[in-house]
Amino acid sequence: MRNDTRPVVTPASAERPSPEQLHELLTVDDVAALLKVSKSWVYEHTRARVVSQAERLPHMRIGKYVRFDAHAVRAYLARKAS
């Protein structure tokens, strides 16, 4: 029986997500190469003032960087193809 009130510390590795839980983030260069378009086209399609909200490429900003979830880009392409 423990008498002290200190929290139990678990190793950091026990809290890490598995590789299957992680999603790959793509750069603007990656998405441009995937879609075979220019980087400027990719940037244009992340801005609401250029295209409608429904037509925007799904993206996230991490500070000054724009990143894309690979699964969200694939879903965007599937919507556009149908």
PDB file of N, CA and C in Angstrom:
ATOM      1  N   MET A   1       0.830  -1.175   0.000  1.00  0.00           N
ATOM      2  CA  MET A   1       0.000   0.000   0.000  1.00  0.00           C
ATOM      3  C   MET A   1       0.874   1.238   0.000  1.00  0.00           C
ATOM      4  N   ARG A   2       0.534   2.192  -0.904  1.00  0.00           N
ATOM      5  CA  ARG A   2       1.326   3.421  -1.001  1.00  0.00           C
ATOM      6  C   ARG A   2       0.895   4.411   0.064  1.00  0.00           C
ATOM      7  N   ASN A   3       1.868   5.018   0.710  1.00  0.00           N
ATOM      8  CA  ASN A   3       1.574   6.011   1.733  1.00  0.00           C
ATOM      9  C   ASN A   3       1.733   7.433   1.215  1.00  0.00           C
ATOM     10  N   ASP A   4       2.508   7.623   0.162  1.00  0.00           N
ATOM     11  CA  ASP A   4       2.712   8.985  -0.335  1.00  0.00           C
ATOM     12  C   ASP A   4       1.618   9.362  -1.343  1.00  0.00           C
ATOM     13  N   THR A   5       1.509  10.642  -1.634  1.00  0.00           N
ATOM     14  CA  THR A   5       0.465  11.138  -2.539  1.00  0.00           C
ATOM     15  C   THR A   5       1.022  11.563  -3.892  1.00  0.00           C
ATOM     16  N   ARG A   6       2.247  11.214  -4.165  1.00  0.00           N
ATOM     17  CA  ARG A   6       2.834  11.566  -5.467  1.00  0.00           C
ATOM     18  C   ARG A   6       2.135  10.795  -6.576  1.00  0.00           C
ATOM     19  N   PRO A   7       1.919  11.455  -7.744  1.00  0.00           N
ATOM     20  CA  PRO A   7       1.270  10.752  -8.852  1.00  0.00           C
ATOM     21  C   PRO A   7       2.174   9.668  -9.428  1.00  0.00           C
ATOM     22  N   VAL A   8       1.560   8.661  -9.951  1.00  0.00           N
ATOM     23  CA  VAL A   8       2.302   7.581 -10.599  1.00  0.00           C
ATOM     24  C   VAL A   8       2.723   8.083 -11.971  1.00  0.00           C
ATOM     25  N   VAL A   9       3.993   8.001 -12.268  1.00  0.00           N
ATOM     26  CA  VAL A   9       4.514   8.461 -13.557  1.00  0.00           C
ATOM     27  C   VAL A   9       4.704   7.256 -14.461  1.00  0.00           C
ATOM     28  N   THR A  10       4.094   7.339 -15.648  1.00  0.00           N
ATOM     29  CA  THR A  10       4.251   6.255 -16.614  1.00  0.00           C
ATOM     30  C   THR A  10       5.271   6.685 -17.648  1.00  0.00           C
ATOM     31  N   PRO A  11       5.963   5.750 -18.261  1.00  0.00           N
ATOM     32  CA  PRO A  11       6.935   6.110 -19.293  1.00  0.00           C
ATOM     33  C   PRO A  11       6.246   6.821 -20.457  1.00  0.00           C
ATOM     34  N   ALA A  12       6.941   7.769 -21.056  1.00  0.00           N
ATOM     35  CA  ALA A  12       6.377   8.535 -22.179  1.00  0.00           C
ATOM     36  C   ALA A  12       6.012   7.625 -23.337  1.00  0.00           C
ATOM     37  N   SER A  13       6.759   6.552 -23.520  1.00  0.00           N
ATOM     38  CA  SER A  13       6.477   5.644 -24.630  1.00  0.00           C
ATOM     39  C   SER A  13       5.112   4.976 -24.483  1.00  0.00           C
ATOM     40  N   ALA A  14       4.599   4.868 -23.279  1.00  0.00           N
ATOM     41  CA  ALA A  14       3.292   4.252 -23.068  1.00  0.00           C
ATOM     42  C   ALA A  14       2.169   5.152 -23.565  1.00  0.00           C
ATOM     43  N   GLU A  15       2.423   6.453 -23.705  1.00  0.00           N
ATOM     44  CA  GLU A  15       1.405   7.409 -24.119  1.00  0.00           C
ATOM     45  C   GLU A  15       1.486   7.746 -25.606  1.00  0.00           C
ATOM     46  N   ARG A  16       2.497   7.296 -26.278  1.00  0.00           N
ATOM     47  CA  ARG A  16       2.665   7.616 -27.691  1.00  0.00           C
ATOM     48  C   ARG A  16       1.629   6.894 -28.541  1.00  0.00           C
ATOM     49  N   PRO A  17       1.067   7.592 -29.542  1.00  0.00           N
ATOM     50  CA  PRO A  17       0.128   6.912 -30.443  1.00  0.00           C
ATOM     51  C   PRO A  17       0.857   5.938 -31.355  1.00  0.00           C
ATOM     52  N   SER A  18       0.148   4.935 -31.782  1.00  0.00           N
ATOM     53  CA  SER A  18       0.746   3.970 -32.702  1.00  0.00           C
ATOM     54  C   SER A  18       0.870   4.615 -34.073  1.00  0.00           C
ATOM     55  N   PRO A  19       1.716   4.084 -34.946  1.00  0.00           N
ATOM     56  CA  PRO A  19       1.852   4.652 -36.297  1.00  0.00           C
ATOM     57  C   PRO A  19       0.536   4.674 -37.067  1.00  0.00           C
ATOM     58  N   GLU A  20      -0.360   3.721 -36.796  1.00  0.00           N
ATOM     59  CA  GLU A  20      -1.647   3.690 -37.477  1.00  0.00           C
ATOM     60  C   GLU A  20      -2.531   4.858 -37.063  1.00  0.00           C
ATOM     61  N   GLN A  21      -2.312   5.393 -35.852  1.00  0.00           N
ATOM     62  CA  GLN A  21      -3.111   6.499 -35.358  1.00  0.00           C
ATOM     63  C   GLN A  21      -2.629   7.852 -35.885  1.00  0.00           C
ATOM     64  N   LEU A  22      -1.411   7.909 -36.345  1.00  0.00           N
ATOM     65  CA  LEU A  22      -0.867   9.161 -36.855  1.00  0.00           C
ATOM     66  C   LEU A  22      -1.300   9.373 -38.293  1.00  0.00           C
ATOM     67  N   HIS A  23      -1.573  10.620 -38.642  1.00  0.00           N
ATOM     68  CA  HIS A  23      -1.916  10.962 -40.010  1.00  0.00           C
ATOM     69  C   HIS A  23      -0.759  11.725 -40.617  1.00  0.00           C
ATOM     70  N   GLU A  24      -0.465  11.399 -41.848  1.00  0.00           N
ATOM     71  CA  GLU A  24       0.623  12.060 -42.532  1.00  0.00           C
ATOM     72  C   GLU A  24       0.191  13.466 -42.939  1.00  0.00           C
ATOM     73  N   LEU A  25       1.024  14.447 -42.648  1.00  0.00           N
ATOM     74  CA  LEU A  25       0.768  15.800 -43.088  1.00  0.00           C
ATOM     75  C   LEU A  25       1.595  16.080 -44.330  1.00  0.00           C
ATOM     76  N   LEU A  26       0.943  16.645 -45.336  1.00  0.00           N
ATOM     77  CA  LEU A  26       1.594  16.961 -46.594  1.00  0.00           C
ATOM     78  C   LEU A  26       1.905  18.443 -46.661  1.00  0.00           C
ATOM     79  N   THR A  27       2.963  18.789 -47.368  1.00  0.00           N
ATOM     80  CA  THR A  27       3.317  20.186 -47.601  1.00  0.00           C
ATOM     81  C   THR A  27       2.642  20.664 -48.878  1.00  0.00           C
ATOM     82  N   VAL A  28       2.744  21.956 -49.136  1.00  0.00           N
ATOM     83  CA  VAL A  28       2.208  22.523 -50.380  1.00  0.00           C
ATOM     84  C   VAL A  28       2.890  21.856 -51.578  1.00  0.00           C
ATOM     85  N   ASP A  29       4.186  21.645 -51.498  1.00  0.00           N
ATOM     86  CA  ASP A  29       4.912  20.965 -52.583  1.00  0.00           C
ATOM     87  C   ASP A  29       4.374  19.560 -52.817  1.00  0.00           C
ATOM     88  N   ASP A  30       4.109  18.830 -51.736  1.00  0.00           N
ATOM     89  CA  ASP A  30       3.580  17.471 -51.846  1.00  0.00           C
ATOM     90  C   ASP A  30       2.224  17.462 -52.556  1.00  0.00           C
ATOM     91  N   VAL A  31       1.336  18.368 -52.146  1.00  0.00           N
ATOM     92  CA  VAL A  31      -0.007  18.410 -52.721  1.00  0.00           C
ATOM     93  C   VAL A  31       0.057  18.846 -54.185  1.00  0.00           C
ATOM     94  N   ALA A  32       0.910  19.815 -54.485  1.00  0.00           N
ATOM     95  CA  ALA A  32       1.061  20.259 -55.870  1.00  0.00           C
ATOM     96  C   ALA A  32       1.552  19.115 -56.756  1.00  0.00           C
ATOM     97  N   ALA A  33       2.497  18.341 -56.271  1.00  0.00           N
ATOM     98  CA  ALA A  33       3.001  17.200 -57.035  1.00  0.00           C
ATOM     99  C   ALA A  33       1.929  16.126 -57.186  1.00  0.00           C
ATOM    100  N   LEU A  34       1.174  15.867 -56.115  1.00  0.00           N
ATOM    101  CA  LEU A  34       0.111  14.868 -56.146  1.00  0.00           C
ATOM    102  C   LEU A  34      -0.963  15.230 -57.172  1.00  0.00           C
ATOM    103  N   LEU A  35      -1.357  16.503 -57.189  1.00  0.00           N
ATOM    104  CA  LEU A  35      -2.410  16.955 -58.094  1.00  0.00           C
ATOM    105  C   LEU A  35      -1.898  17.386 -59.459  1.00  0.00           C
ATOM    106  N   LYS A  36      -0.564  17.455 -59.577  1.00  0.00           N
ATOM    107  CA  LYS A  36       0.075  17.900 -60.824  1.00  0.00           C
ATOM    108  C   LYS A  36      -0.391  19.308 -61.207  1.00  0.00           C
ATOM    109  N   VAL A  37      -0.320  20.194 -60.213  1.00  0.00           N
ATOM    110  CA  VAL A  37      -0.660  21.608 -60.393  1.00  0.00           C
ATOM    111  C   VAL A  37       0.473  22.435 -59.787  1.00  0.00           C
ATOM    112  N   SER A  38       0.411  23.729 -59.994  1.00  0.00           N
ATOM    113  CA  SER A  38       1.447  24.609 -59.440  1.00  0.00           C
ATOM    114  C   SER A  38       1.191  24.858 -57.955  1.00  0.00           C
ATOM    115  N   LYS A  39       2.244  25.284 -57.264  1.00  0.00           N
ATOM    116  CA  LYS A  39       2.107  25.627 -55.848  1.00  0.00           C
ATOM    117  C   LYS A  39       1.144  26.798 -55.687  1.00  0.00           C
ATOM    118  N   SER A  40       1.165  27.736 -56.621  1.00  0.00           N
ATOM    119  CA  SER A  40       0.262  28.886 -56.507  1.00  0.00           C
ATOM    120  C   SER A  40      -1.196  28.441 -56.599  1.00  0.00           C
ATOM    121  N   TRP A  41      -1.495  27.416 -57.412  1.00  0.00           N
ATOM    122  CA  TRP A  41      -2.860  26.890 -57.497  1.00  0.00           C
ATOM    123  C   TRP A  41      -3.281  26.328 -56.137  1.00  0.00           C
ATOM    124  N   VAL A  42      -2.377  25.602 -55.496  1.00  0.00           N
ATOM    125  CA  VAL A  42      -2.685  25.024 -54.182  1.00  0.00           C
ATOM    126  C   VAL A  42      -2.972  26.140 -53.187  1.00  0.00           C
ATOM    127  N   TYR A  43      -2.113  27.166 -53.142  1.00  0.00           N
ATOM    128  CA  TYR A  43      -2.344  28.281 -52.224  1.00  0.00           C
ATOM    129  C   TYR A  43      -3.670  28.976 -52.528  1.00  0.00           C
ATOM    130  N   GLU A  44      -3.973  29.190 -53.803  1.00  0.00           N
ATOM    131  CA  GLU A  44      -5.230  29.836 -54.180  1.00  0.00           C
ATOM    132  C   GLU A  44      -6.434  29.056 -53.676  1.00  0.00           C
ATOM    133  N   HIS A  45      -6.349  27.737 -53.728  1.00  0.00           N
ATOM    134  CA  HIS A  45      -7.481  26.897 -53.339  1.00  0.00           C
ATOM    135  C   HIS A  45      -7.558  26.633 -51.838  1.00  0.00           C
ATOM    136  N   THR A  46      -6.705  27.310 -51.074  1.00  0.00           N
ATOM    137  CA  THR A  46      -6.841  27.287 -49.618  1.00  0.00           C
ATOM    138  C   THR A  46      -7.430  28.600 -49.117  1.00  0.00           C
ATOM    139  N   ARG A  47      -7.577  29.574 -49.993  1.00  0.00           N
ATOM    140  CA  ARG A  47      -8.079  30.897 -49.597  1.00  0.00           C
ATOM    141  C   ARG A  47      -9.561  31.026 -49.898  1.00  0.00           C
ATOM    142  N   ALA A  48     -10.322  31.437 -48.910  1.00  0.00           N
ATOM    143  CA  ALA A  48     -11.775  31.553 -49.052  1.00  0.00           C
ATOM    144  C   ALA A  48     -12.166  32.642 -50.042  1.00  0.00           C
ATOM    145  N   ARG A  49     -11.371  33.689 -50.162  1.00  0.00           N
ATOM    146  CA  ARG A  49     -11.768  34.790 -51.039  1.00  0.00           C
ATOM    147  C   ARG A  49     -11.587  34.451 -52.518  1.00  0.00           C
ATOM    148  N   VAL A  50     -10.859  33.407 -52.832  1.00  0.00           N
ATOM    149  CA  VAL A  50     -10.613  33.025 -54.225  1.00  0.00           C
ATOM    150  C   VAL A  50     -11.621  31.986 -54.699  1.00  0.00           C
ATOM    151  N   VAL A  51     -11.920  31.023 -53.862  1.00  0.00           N
ATOM    152  CA  VAL A  51     -12.876  29.971 -54.211  1.00  0.00           C
ATOM    153  C   VAL A  51     -13.896  29.842 -53.080  1.00  0.00           C
ATOM    154  N   SER A  52     -15.044  29.248 -53.380  1.00  0.00           N
ATOM    155  CA  SER A  52     -16.076  29.073 -52.354  1.00  0.00           C
ATOM    156  C   SER A  52     -15.590  28.109 -51.272  1.00  0.00           C
ATOM    157  N   GLN A  53     -16.227  28.171 -50.121  1.00  0.00           N
ATOM    158  CA  GLN A  53     -15.855  27.314 -48.995  1.00  0.00           C
ATOM    159  C   GLN A  53     -15.895  25.828 -49.376  1.00  0.00           C
ATOM    160  N   ALA A  54     -16.892  25.426 -50.160  1.00  0.00           N
ATOM    161  CA  ALA A  54     -17.029  24.024 -50.560  1.00  0.00           C
ATOM    162  C   ALA A  54     -15.915  23.580 -51.507  1.00  0.00           C
ATOM    163  N   GLU A  55     -15.318  24.515 -52.228  1.00  0.00           N
ATOM    164  CA  GLU A  55     -14.285  24.185 -53.202  1.00  0.00           C
ATOM    165  C   GLU A  55     -12.868  24.269 -52.627  1.00  0.00           C
ATOM    166  N   ARG A  56     -12.739  24.721 -51.394  1.00  0.00           N
ATOM    167  CA  ARG A  56     -11.410  24.879 -50.804  1.00  0.00           C
ATOM    168  C   ARG A  56     -10.764  23.538 -50.511  1.00  0.00           C
ATOM    169  N   LEU A  57      -9.464  23.479 -50.704  1.00  0.00           N
ATOM    170  CA  LEU A  57      -8.701  22.307 -50.298  1.00  0.00           C
ATOM    171  C   LEU A  57      -8.682  22.267 -48.771  1.00  0.00           C
ATOM    172  N   PRO A  58      -8.970  21.123 -48.173  1.00  0.00           N
ATOM    173  CA  PRO A  58      -8.921  21.041 -46.712  1.00  0.00           C
ATOM    174  C   PRO A  58      -7.471  21.189 -46.240  1.00  0.00           C
ATOM    175  N   HIS A  59      -7.247  22.105 -45.339  1.00  0.00           N
ATOM    176  CA  HIS A  59      -5.893  22.377 -44.880  1.00  0.00           C
ATOM    177  C   HIS A  59      -5.919  22.862 -43.443  1.00  0.00           C
ATOM    178  N   MET A  60      -4.734  22.984 -42.869  1.00  0.00           N
ATOM    179  CA  MET A  60      -4.584  23.553 -41.530  1.00  0.00           C
ATOM    180  C   MET A  60      -3.358  24.443 -41.538  1.00  0.00           C
ATOM    181  N   ARG A  61      -3.397  25.427 -40.696  1.00  0.00           N
ATOM    182  CA  ARG A  61      -2.248  26.311 -40.537  1.00  0.00           C
ATOM    183  C   ARG A  61      -1.544  25.941 -39.236  1.00  0.00           C
ATOM    184  N   ILE A  62      -0.253  25.786 -39.338  1.00  0.00           N
ATOM    185  CA  ILE A  62       0.592  25.546 -38.174  1.00  0.00           C
ATOM    186  C   ILE A  62       1.583  26.701 -38.169  1.00  0.00           C
ATOM    187  N   GLY A  63       1.230  27.732 -37.433  1.00  0.00           N
ATOM    188  CA  GLY A  63       2.021  28.960 -37.491  1.00  0.00           C
ATOM    189  C   GLY A  63       1.900  29.558 -38.875  1.00  0.00           C
ATOM    190  N   LYS A  64       3.019  29.796 -39.512  1.00  0.00           N
ATOM    191  CA  LYS A  64       2.996  30.357 -40.859  1.00  0.00           C
ATOM    192  C   LYS A  64       2.919  29.289 -41.945  1.00  0.00           C
ATOM    193  N   TYR A  65       2.937  28.039 -41.549  1.00  0.00           N
ATOM    194  CA  TYR A  65       2.954  26.942 -42.505  1.00  0.00           C
ATOM    195  C   TYR A  65       1.557  26.414 -42.802  1.00  0.00           C
ATOM    196  N   VAL A  66       1.348  26.004 -44.048  1.00  0.00           N
ATOM    197  CA  VAL A  66       0.096  25.365 -44.457  1.00  0.00           C
ATOM    198  C   VAL A  66       0.394  23.881 -44.616  1.00  0.00           C
ATOM    199  N   ARG A  67      -0.411  23.049 -43.979  1.00  0.00           N
ATOM    200  CA  ARG A  67      -0.237  21.600 -44.081  1.00  0.00           C
ATOM    201  C   ARG A  67      -1.571  20.965 -44.432  1.00  0.00           C
ATOM    202  N   PHE A  68      -1.500  19.785 -45.011  1.00  0.00           N
ATOM    203  CA  PHE A  68      -2.671  19.075 -45.500  1.00  0.00           C
ATOM    204  C   PHE A  68      -2.661  17.664 -44.947  1.00  0.00           C
ATOM    205  N   ASP A  69      -3.805  17.222 -44.442  1.00  0.00           N
ATOM    206  CA  ASP A  69      -3.960  15.850 -43.992  1.00  0.00           C
ATOM    207  C   ASP A  69      -4.150  14.994 -45.244  1.00  0.00           C
ATOM    208  N   ALA A  70      -3.336  13.972 -45.404  1.00  0.00           N
ATOM    209  CA  ALA A  70      -3.382  13.134 -46.607  1.00  0.00           C
ATOM    210  C   ALA A  70      -4.761  12.513 -46.808  1.00  0.00           C
ATOM    211  N   HIS A  71      -5.408  12.095 -45.706  1.00  0.00           N
ATOM    212  CA  HIS A  71      -6.744  11.488 -45.819  1.00  0.00           C
ATOM    213  C   HIS A  71      -7.770  12.509 -46.293  1.00  0.00           C
ATOM    214  N   ALA A  72      -7.678  13.742 -45.794  1.00  0.00           N
ATOM    215  CA  ALA A  72      -8.618  14.789 -46.194  1.00  0.00           C
ATOM    216  C   ALA A  72      -8.430  15.169 -47.658  1.00  0.00           C
ATOM    217  N   VAL A  73      -7.198  15.178 -48.133  1.00  0.00           N
ATOM    218  CA  VAL A  73      -6.934  15.489 -49.546  1.00  0.00           C
ATOM    219  C   VAL A  73      -7.503  14.386 -50.433  1.00  0.00           C
ATOM    220  N   ARG A  74      -7.339  13.134 -50.016  1.00  0.00           N
ATOM    221  CA  ARG A  74      -7.915  12.021 -50.794  1.00  0.00           C
ATOM    222  C   ARG A  74      -9.434  12.111 -50.831  1.00  0.00           C
ATOM    223  N   ALA A  75     -10.064  12.469 -49.715  1.00  0.00           N
ATOM    224  CA  ALA A  75     -11.521  12.626 -49.673  1.00  0.00           C
ATOM    225  C   ALA A  75     -11.959  13.783 -50.573  1.00  0.00           C
ATOM    226  N   TYR A  76     -11.204  14.864 -50.581  1.00  0.00           N
ATOM    227  CA  TYR A  76     -11.486  16.006 -51.460  1.00  0.00           C
ATOM    228  C   TYR A  76     -11.442  15.562 -52.927  1.00  0.00           C
ATOM    229  N   LEU A  77     -10.427  14.804 -53.275  1.00  0.00           N
ATOM    230  CA  LEU A  77     -10.307  14.306 -54.649  1.00  0.00           C
ATOM    231  C   LEU A  77     -11.472  13.375 -55.008  1.00  0.00           C
ATOM    232  N   ALA A  78     -11.884  12.551 -54.071  1.00  0.00           N
ATOM    233  CA  ALA A  78     -13.017  11.639 -54.329  1.00  0.00           C
ATOM    234  C   ALA A  78     -14.303  12.433 -54.555  1.00  0.00           C
ATOM    235  N   ARG A  79     -14.505  13.500 -53.782  1.00  0.00           N
ATOM    236  CA  ARG A  79     -15.690  14.347 -53.978  1.00  0.00           C
ATOM    237  C   ARG A  79     -15.659  15.019 -55.341  1.00  0.00           C
ATOM    238  N   LYS A  80     -14.492  15.491 -55.733  1.00  0.00           N
ATOM    239  CA  LYS A  80     -14.358  16.193 -57.017  1.00  0.00           C
ATOM    240  C   LYS A  80     -14.529  15.228 -58.191  1.00  0.00           C
ATOM    241  N   ALA A  81     -14.166  13.976 -58.018  1.00  0.00           N
ATOM    242  CA  ALA A  81     -14.242  12.997 -59.100  1.00  0.00           C
ATOM    243  C   ALA A  81     -15.665  12.514 -59.330  1.00  0.00           C
ATOM    244  N   SER A  82     -16.536  12.642 -58.339  1.00  0.00           N
ATOM    245  CA  SER A  82     -17.899  12.109 -58.500  1.00  0.00           C
ATOM    246  C   SER A  82     -18.865  13.149 -59.016  1.00  0.00           C
TER     247      SER A  82
END
